[in-house]
C-alpha atoms as a PDB file:
ATOM      1  CA  MET A   1      17.710  33.157  -1.152  1.00  0.00           C
ATOM      2  CA  ASN A   2      18.681  31.800  -5.281  1.00  0.00           C
ATOM      3  CA  GLY A   3      21.367  32.662  -7.399  1.00  0.00           C
ATOM      4  CA  LYS A   4      18.814  34.538  -9.636  1.00  0.00           C
ATOM      5  CA  ARG A   5      17.220  36.824  -7.144  1.00  0.00           C
ATOM      6  CA  ALA A   6      20.286  37.813  -5.661  1.00  0.00           C
ATOM      7  CA  PHE A   7      22.160  39.190  -8.431  1.00  0.00           C
ATOM      8  CA  HIS A   8      18.200  41.061  -9.675  1.00  0.00           C
ATOM      9  CA  ASP A   9      18.777  42.697  -6.400  1.00  0.00           C
ATOM     10  CA  THR A  10      22.626  43.300  -6.917  1.00  0.00           C
ATOM     11  CA  LEU A  11      21.325  45.179 -10.136  1.00  0.00           C
ATOM     12  CA  ALA A  12      18.380  47.193  -8.588  1.00  0.00           C
ATOM     13  CA  SER A  13      20.960  50.151  -7.190  1.00  0.00           C
ATOM     14  CA  VAL A  14      22.549  50.147 -10.720  1.00  0.00           C
ATOM     15  CA  ILE A  15      19.710  50.133 -13.327  1.00  0.00           C
ATOM     16  CA  PRO A  16      19.895  53.208 -15.266  1.00  0.00           C
ATOM     17  CA  ALA A  17      17.019  54.146 -18.205  1.00  0.00           C
ATOM     18  CA  LEU A  18      17.062  51.627 -21.350  1.00  0.00           C
ATOM     19  CA  LEU A  19      16.072  53.289 -24.637  1.00  0.00           C
ATOM     20  CA  ILE A  20      14.534  50.429 -27.006  1.00  0.00           C
ATOM     21  CA  VAL A  21      14.584  51.501 -30.682  1.00  0.00           C
ATOM     22  CA  GLU A  22      12.351  49.375 -32.241  1.00  0.00           C
ATOM     23  CA  ASP A  23      10.000  49.718 -35.619  1.00  0.00           C
ATOM     24  CA  ASP A  24       8.179  46.883 -34.619  1.00  0.00           C
ATOM     25  CA  LYS A  25       5.677  47.681 -32.014  1.00  0.00           C
ATOM     26  CA  ALA A  26       4.522  44.620 -30.789  1.00  0.00           C
ATOM     27  CA  LEU A  27       8.576  43.603 -30.373  1.00  0.00           C
ATOM     28  CA  SER A  28       9.497  46.834 -29.051  1.00  0.00           C
ATOM     29  CA  SER A  29       5.936  46.410 -26.337  1.00  0.00           C
ATOM     30  CA  TYR A  30       6.764  42.983 -25.825  1.00  0.00           C
ATOM     31  CA  LEU A  31      10.740  43.748 -25.118  1.00  0.00           C
ATOM     32  CA  ALA A  32       9.456  46.648 -22.979  1.00  0.00           C
ATOM     33  CA  GLY A  33       7.594  45.063 -20.761  1.00  0.00           C
ATOM     34  CA  VAL A  34      10.409  42.087 -20.171  1.00  0.00           C
ATOM     35  CA  MET A  35      12.583  45.201 -19.247  1.00  0.00           C
ATOM     36  CA  ASN A  36       9.939  46.895 -17.266  1.00  0.00           C
ATOM     37  CA  ASP A  37       9.763  43.280 -15.021  1.00  0.00           C
ATOM     38  CA  GLU A  38      13.466  43.490 -14.688  1.00  0.00           C
ATOM     39  CA  GLY A  39      13.857  47.109 -12.536  1.00  0.00           C
ATOM     40  CA  TYR A  40      14.703  49.343 -15.755  1.00  0.00           C
ATOM     41  CA  ARG A  41      13.010  52.176 -16.523  1.00  0.00           C
ATOM     42  CA  VAL A  42      12.579  51.953 -20.834  1.00  0.00           C
ATOM     43  CA  VAL A  43      11.115  54.670 -23.026  1.00  0.00           C
ATOM     44  CA  CYS A  44      10.265  52.916 -26.565  1.00  0.00           C
ATOM     45  CA  ALA A  45      11.300  54.980 -30.139  1.00  0.00           C
ATOM     46  CA  GLU A  46      10.356  53.507 -33.146  1.00  0.00           C
ATOM     47  CA  SER A  47      13.124  55.907 -35.074  1.00  0.00           C
ATOM     48  CA  ARG A  48      16.412  57.981 -34.955  1.00  0.00           C
ATOM     49  CA  GLN A  49      14.483  61.162 -35.138  1.00  0.00           C
ATOM     50  CA  GLU A  50      11.977  59.845 -32.539  1.00  0.00           C
ATOM     51  CA  ALA A  51      14.367  58.704 -30.062  1.00  0.00           C
ATOM     52  CA  LEU A  52      17.069  61.869 -30.935  1.00  0.00           C
ATOM     53  CA  LYS A  53      13.842  63.924 -29.110  1.00  0.00           C
ATOM     54  CA  ILE A  54      13.883  62.000 -25.595  1.00  0.00           C
ATOM     55  CA  ARG A  55      15.194  63.710 -22.815  1.00  0.00           C
ATOM     56  CA  PRO A  56      16.813  63.191 -20.865  1.00  0.00           C
ATOM     57  CA  GLN A  57      18.587  61.095 -23.065  1.00  0.00           C
ATOM     58  CA  PRO A  58      19.242  57.596 -21.481  1.00  0.00           C
ATOM     59  CA  LEU A  59      22.816  55.802 -21.426  1.00  0.00           C
ATOM     60  CA  LEU A  60      21.442  52.476 -22.135  1.00  0.00           C
ATOM     61  CA  ALA A  61      20.023  51.998 -25.340  1.00  0.00           C
ATOM     62  CA  LEU A  62      18.954  48.357 -27.569  1.00  0.00           C
ATOM     63  CA  VAL A  63      18.857  49.383 -31.334  1.00  0.00           C
ATOM     64  CA  ASP A  64      17.333  48.345 -34.353  1.00  0.00           C
ATOM     65  CA  LEU A  65      19.521  49.253 -36.992  1.00  0.00           C
ATOM     66  CA  GLY A  66      17.154  48.540 -39.826  1.00  0.00           C
ATOM     67  CA  LEU A  67      14.885  51.667 -38.800  1.00  0.00           C
ATOM     68  CA  PRO A  68      12.201  53.744 -41.122  1.00  0.00           C
ATOM     69  CA  PRO A  69      12.568  55.301 -43.275  1.00  0.00           C
ATOM     70  CA  ALA A  70      15.382  52.511 -44.907  1.00  0.00           C
ATOM     71  CA  GLU A  71      14.245  49.346 -42.805  1.00  0.00           C
ATOM     72  CA  ASN A  72      16.419  47.630 -45.273  1.00  0.00           C
ATOM     73  CA  ARG A  73      19.209  48.784 -44.830  1.00  0.00           C
ATOM     74  CA  ILE A  74      21.263  49.330 -41.718  1.00  0.00           C
ATOM     75  CA  SER A  75      22.331  53.567 -42.624  1.00  0.00           C
ATOM     76  CA  GLU A  76      19.824  55.078 -39.868  1.00  0.00           C
ATOM     77  CA  GLY A  77      20.662  52.407 -37.335  1.00  0.00           C
ATOM     78  CA  LEU A  78      24.136  53.293 -37.350  1.00  0.00           C
ATOM     79  CA  PHE A  79      23.396  57.109 -37.717  1.00  0.00           C
ATOM     80  CA  LEU A  80      21.689  56.554 -34.472  1.00  0.00           C
ATOM     81  CA  ILE A  81      24.591  55.136 -32.166  1.00  0.00           C
ATOM     82  CA  ASP A  82      26.773  58.080 -33.562  1.00  0.00           C
ATOM     83  CA  ALA A  83      24.098  60.956 -32.330  1.00  0.00           C
ATOM     84  CA  LEU A  84      23.685  58.855 -29.669  1.00  0.00           C
ATOM     85  CA  LEU A  85      27.457  58.497 -28.811  1.00  0.00           C
ATOM     86  CA  ALA A  86      28.056  62.396 -29.814  1.00  0.00           C
ATOM     87  CA  ASN A  87      25.823  63.036 -27.023  1.00  0.00           C
ATOM     88  CA  ALA A  88      26.497  60.919 -24.051  1.00  0.00           C
ATOM     89  CA  PRO A  89      30.133  59.113 -25.255  1.00  0.00           C
ATOM     90  CA  HIS A  90      29.443  57.076 -22.447  1.00  0.00           C
ATOM     91  CA  SER A  91      26.321  55.268 -23.221  1.00  0.00           C
ATOM     92  CA  LYS A  92      26.152  51.874 -24.037  1.00  0.00           C
ATOM     93  CA  ILE A  93      24.682  50.738 -27.114  1.00  0.00           C
ATOM     94  CA  ILE A  94      23.259  47.025 -27.935  1.00  0.00           C
ATOM     95  CA  VAL A  95      22.482  46.300 -31.439  1.00  0.00           C
ATOM     96  CA  ILE A  96      20.208  43.980 -32.922  1.00  0.00           C
ATOM     97  CA  SER A  97      19.987  43.118 -36.192  1.00  0.00           C
ATOM     98  CA  GLY A  98      18.893  40.727 -39.425  1.00  0.00           C
ATOM     99  CA  GLN A  99      20.644  42.530 -41.776  1.00  0.00           C
ATOM    100  CA  ASP A 100      24.069  41.801 -43.245  1.00  0.00           C
ATOM    101  CA  GLU A 101      25.075  40.069 -40.015  1.00  0.00           C
ATOM    102  CA  GLU A 102      29.077  39.873 -40.194  1.00  0.00           C
ATOM    103  CA  SER A 103      29.134  43.815 -41.826  1.00  0.00           C
ATOM    104  CA  ALA A 104      26.311  44.948 -39.509  1.00  0.00           C
ATOM    105  CA  ALA A 105      28.287  43.719 -36.723  1.00  0.00           C
ATOM    106  CA  PHE A 106      31.700  45.104 -37.289  1.00  0.00           C
ATOM    107  CA  GLU A 107      30.469  48.247 -38.798  1.00  0.00           C
ATOM    108  CA  ALA A 108      28.319  49.005 -35.099  1.00  0.00           C
ATOM    109  CA  VAL A 109      31.250  47.904 -32.978  1.00  0.00           C
ATOM    110  CA  ARG A 110      33.486  50.423 -35.501  1.00  0.00           C
ATOM    111  CA  ARG A 111      31.441  52.544 -34.055  1.00  0.00           C
ATOM    112  CA  GLY A 112      31.001  52.168 -31.051  1.00  0.00           C
ATOM    113  CA  ALA A 113      28.423  49.952 -29.851  1.00  0.00           C
ATOM    114  CA  PHE A 114      29.294  47.833 -26.542  1.00  0.00           C
ATOM    115  CA  ASP A 115      27.625  44.439 -28.398  1.00  0.00           C
ATOM    116  CA  PHE A 116      25.857  43.021 -30.750  1.00  0.00           C
ATOM    117  CA  LEU A 117      22.956  40.344 -31.329  1.00  0.00           C
ATOM    118  CA  SER A 118      22.014  39.346 -34.283  1.00  0.00           C
ATOM    119  CA  LYS A 119      18.294  38.167 -34.584  1.00  0.00           C
ATOM    120  CA  PRO A 120      16.235  36.474 -34.074  1.00  0.00           C
ATOM    121  CA  ALA A 121      18.089  36.987 -30.286  1.00  0.00           C
ATOM    122  CA  SER A 122      16.237  34.768 -27.381  1.00  0.00           C
ATOM    123  CA  MET A 123      15.520  36.984 -24.853  1.00  0.00           C
ATOM    124  CA  ALA A 124      17.673  35.156 -22.212  1.00  0.00           C
ATOM    125  CA  ASP A 125      21.084  37.041 -24.576  1.00  0.00           C
ATOM    126  CA  ILE A 126      19.060  40.258 -24.507  1.00  0.00           C
ATOM    127  CA  LYS A 127      18.420  40.300 -20.868  1.00  0.00           C
ATOM    128  CA  THR A 128      22.352  39.207 -20.978  1.00  0.00           C
ATOM    129  CA  ALA A 129      23.416  41.681 -22.811  1.00  0.00           C
ATOM    130  CA  ILE A 130      21.317  44.521 -21.109  1.00  0.00           C
ATOM    131  CA  LYS A 131      22.802  43.717 -17.774  1.00  0.00           C
ATOM    132  CA  ARG A 132      26.377  42.944 -18.292  1.00  0.00           C
ATOM    133  CA  ALA A 133      26.280  46.448 -20.150  1.00  0.00           C
ATOM    134  CA  SER A 134      24.491  48.124 -17.186  1.00  0.00           C
ATOM    135  CA  LEU A 135      27.413  46.581 -14.822  1.00  0.00           C
ATOM    136  CA  PHE A 136      30.028  48.108 -17.275  1.00  0.00           C
ATOM    137  CA  LEU A 137      28.238  51.576 -16.943  1.00  0.00           C
ATOM    138  CA  HIS A 138      27.852  51.455 -13.381  1.00  0.00           C
ATOM    139  CA  HIS A 139      32.010  50.353 -13.111  1.00  0.00           C
ATOM    140  CA  GLU A 140      32.819  53.440 -15.051  1.00  0.00           C
ATOM    141  CA  GLU A 141      30.728  55.524 -12.975  1.00  0.00           C
ATOM    142  CA  HIS A 142      32.643  54.695 -10.012  1.00  0.00           C
ATOM    143  CA  LEU A 143      35.914  55.174 -11.744  1.00  0.00           C
ATOM    144  CA  SER A 144      34.628  58.297 -12.588  1.00  0.00           C
ATOM    145  CA  GLU A 145      33.579  59.146  -9.199  1.00  0.00           C
ATOM    146  CA  ALA A 146      37.380  58.247  -8.149  1.00  0.00           C
ATOM    147  CA  GLY A 147      38.877  60.492 -10.534  1.00  0.00           C
ATOM    148  CA  GLU A 148      40.277  57.591 -12.888  1.00  0.00           C
ATOM    149  CA  ALA A 149      40.120  56.776 -16.180  1.00  0.00           C
ATOM    150  CA  ARG A 150      36.587  56.476 -18.169  1.00  0.00           C
ATOM    151  CA  LEU A 151      36.737  52.509 -18.876  1.00  0.00           C
ATOM    152  CA  HIS A 152      36.519  51.746 -22.354  1.00  0.00           C
ATOM    153  CA  ILE A 153      35.747  47.920 -23.575  1.00  0.00           C
ATOM    154  CA  THR A 154      34.701  46.450 -26.834  1.00  0.00           C
ATOM    155  CA  VAL A 155      32.667  43.677 -26.393  1.00  0.00           C
ATOM    156  CA  ARG A 156      32.985  40.486 -28.493  1.00  0.00           C
ATOM    157  CA  PHE A 157      29.227  39.545 -30.020  1.00  0.00           C
ATOM    158  CA  ALA A 158      28.830  36.959 -27.557  1.00  0.00           C
ATOM    159  CA  ASP A 159      31.820  35.664 -25.335  1.00  0.00           C
ATOM    160  CA  GLY A 160      32.007  38.812 -23.250  1.00  0.00           C
ATOM    161  CA  PRO A 161      35.243  41.763 -22.880  1.00  0.00           C
ATOM    162  CA  LYS A 162      37.986  41.352 -24.768  1.00  0.00           C
ATOM    163  CA  GLU A 163      41.343  39.813 -23.425  1.00  0.00           C
ATOM    164  CA  THR A 164      43.687  41.968 -23.945  1.00  0.00           C
ATOM    165  CA  GLY A 165      45.173  42.728 -20.527  1.00  0.00           C
ATOM    166  CA  ASP A 166      44.109  45.989 -20.354  1.00  0.00           C
ATOM    167  CA  ALA A 167      44.461  47.653 -17.453  1.00  0.00           C
ATOM    168  CA  VAL A 168      41.181  49.248 -16.925  1.00  0.00           C
ATOM    169  CA  GLU A 169      39.278  46.069 -17.799  1.00  0.00           C
ATOM    170  CA  GLU A 170      41.260  44.304 -15.562  1.00  0.00           C
ATOM    171  CA  GLN A 171      40.405  46.988 -12.810  1.00  0.00           C
ATOM    172  CA  MET A 172      36.865  46.765 -13.650  1.00  0.00           C
ATOM    173  CA  VAL A 173      36.808  42.555 -13.499  1.00  0.00           C
ATOM    174  CA  ARG A 174      39.541  42.912 -10.628  1.00  0.00           C
ATOM    175  CA  GLY A 175      36.713  45.467  -9.290  1.00  0.00           C
ATOM    176  CA  THR A 176      33.612  43.013  -9.142  1.00  0.00           C
ATOM    177  CA  LEU A 177      36.111  40.483  -7.748  1.00  0.00           C
ATOM    178  CA  ALA A 178      36.514  42.026  -4.771  1.00  0.00           C
ATOM    179  CA  ASP A 179      32.973  43.250  -4.783  1.00  0.00           C
ATOM    180  CA  THR A 180      31.863  39.555  -4.550  1.00  0.00           C
ATOM    181  CA  ARG A 181      34.875  38.925  -1.879  1.00  0.00           C
ATOM    182  CA  GLY A 182      37.065  35.857  -4.498  1.00  0.00           C
ATOM    183  CA  ASN A 183      34.065  34.592  -5.751  1.00  0.00           C
ATOM    184  CA  VAL A 184      34.777  33.566  -8.870  1.00  0.00           C
ATOM    185  CA  THR A 185      31.371  32.223  -9.990  1.00  0.00           C
ATOM    186  CA  GLU A 186      29.446  35.236  -8.761  1.00  0.00           C
ATOM    187  CA  ALA A 187      31.608  37.746 -10.358  1.00  0.00           C
ATOM    188  CA  ALA A 188      31.095  35.996 -13.752  1.00  0.00           C
ATOM    189  CA  LYS A 189      27.445  35.740 -13.487  1.00  0.00           C
ATOM    190  CA  ARG A 190      27.895  39.693 -12.520  1.00  0.00           C
ATOM    191  CA  LEU A 191      29.733  40.399 -15.418  1.00  0.00           C
ATOM    192  CA  GLY A 192      27.858  37.835 -17.949  1.00  0.00           C
ATOM    193  CA  LEU A 193      31.180  35.961 -18.171  1.00  0.00           C
ATOM    194  CA  VAL A 194      32.336  32.716 -18.264  1.00  0.00           C
ATOM    195  CA  ARG A 195      33.745  31.282 -15.111  1.00  0.00           C
ATOM    196  CA  GLU A 196      37.032  30.211 -17.461  1.00  0.00           C
ATOM    197  CA  HIS A 197      37.932  34.462 -18.300  1.00  0.00           C
ATOM    198  CA  MET A 198      37.613  35.301 -14.786  1.00  0.00           C
ATOM    199  CA  TYR A 199      41.261  33.490 -14.848  1.00  0.00           C
ATOM    200  CA  TYR A 200      42.808  35.165 -16.810  1.00  0.00           C
ATOM    201  CA  TYR A 201      42.504  38.559 -14.386  1.00  0.00           C
ATOM    202  CA  MET A 202      43.493  35.951 -11.324  1.00  0.00           C
END
């Protein structure tokens, strides 16, 4: 079994539903098709109002900041981030935007977005971000079941978790290392990190 297939099989048991909020119907359909093929249960919405009507609310979301009726501004996407996190604070929201990248990224992450991708983002980058968010969500659920504090980890826009030394983040990384029996390469692959980041915790 090759590494890609093994990684996909590992994710199969932890993949949550995925909400895609994108007003470009062609792009939304394409993203939904690709992520369905990856094993995700995808639901789509074209606006903030439509997204908030979906029940149950998926805990994983890919959100375009430029949504109707204000497609040329980031306000609708930011309001949606606020609403999704108000309904489910442990949601993982990946933001994608082509507007005023630096300020949009800062504001989205400040409000609680898990990750930020700039348009045009490659499908490989989108899939990696979604898989990483799925794994973080899975680890949080396991910590919750064990009666421990929820993970609260801010992810850099392109290169994984911040190396803050935070005890909870360290526990998540060490847990993945334990799951892979100390295989740094496999653990890094599951978390969407480069191997060098893993050595910080060893």
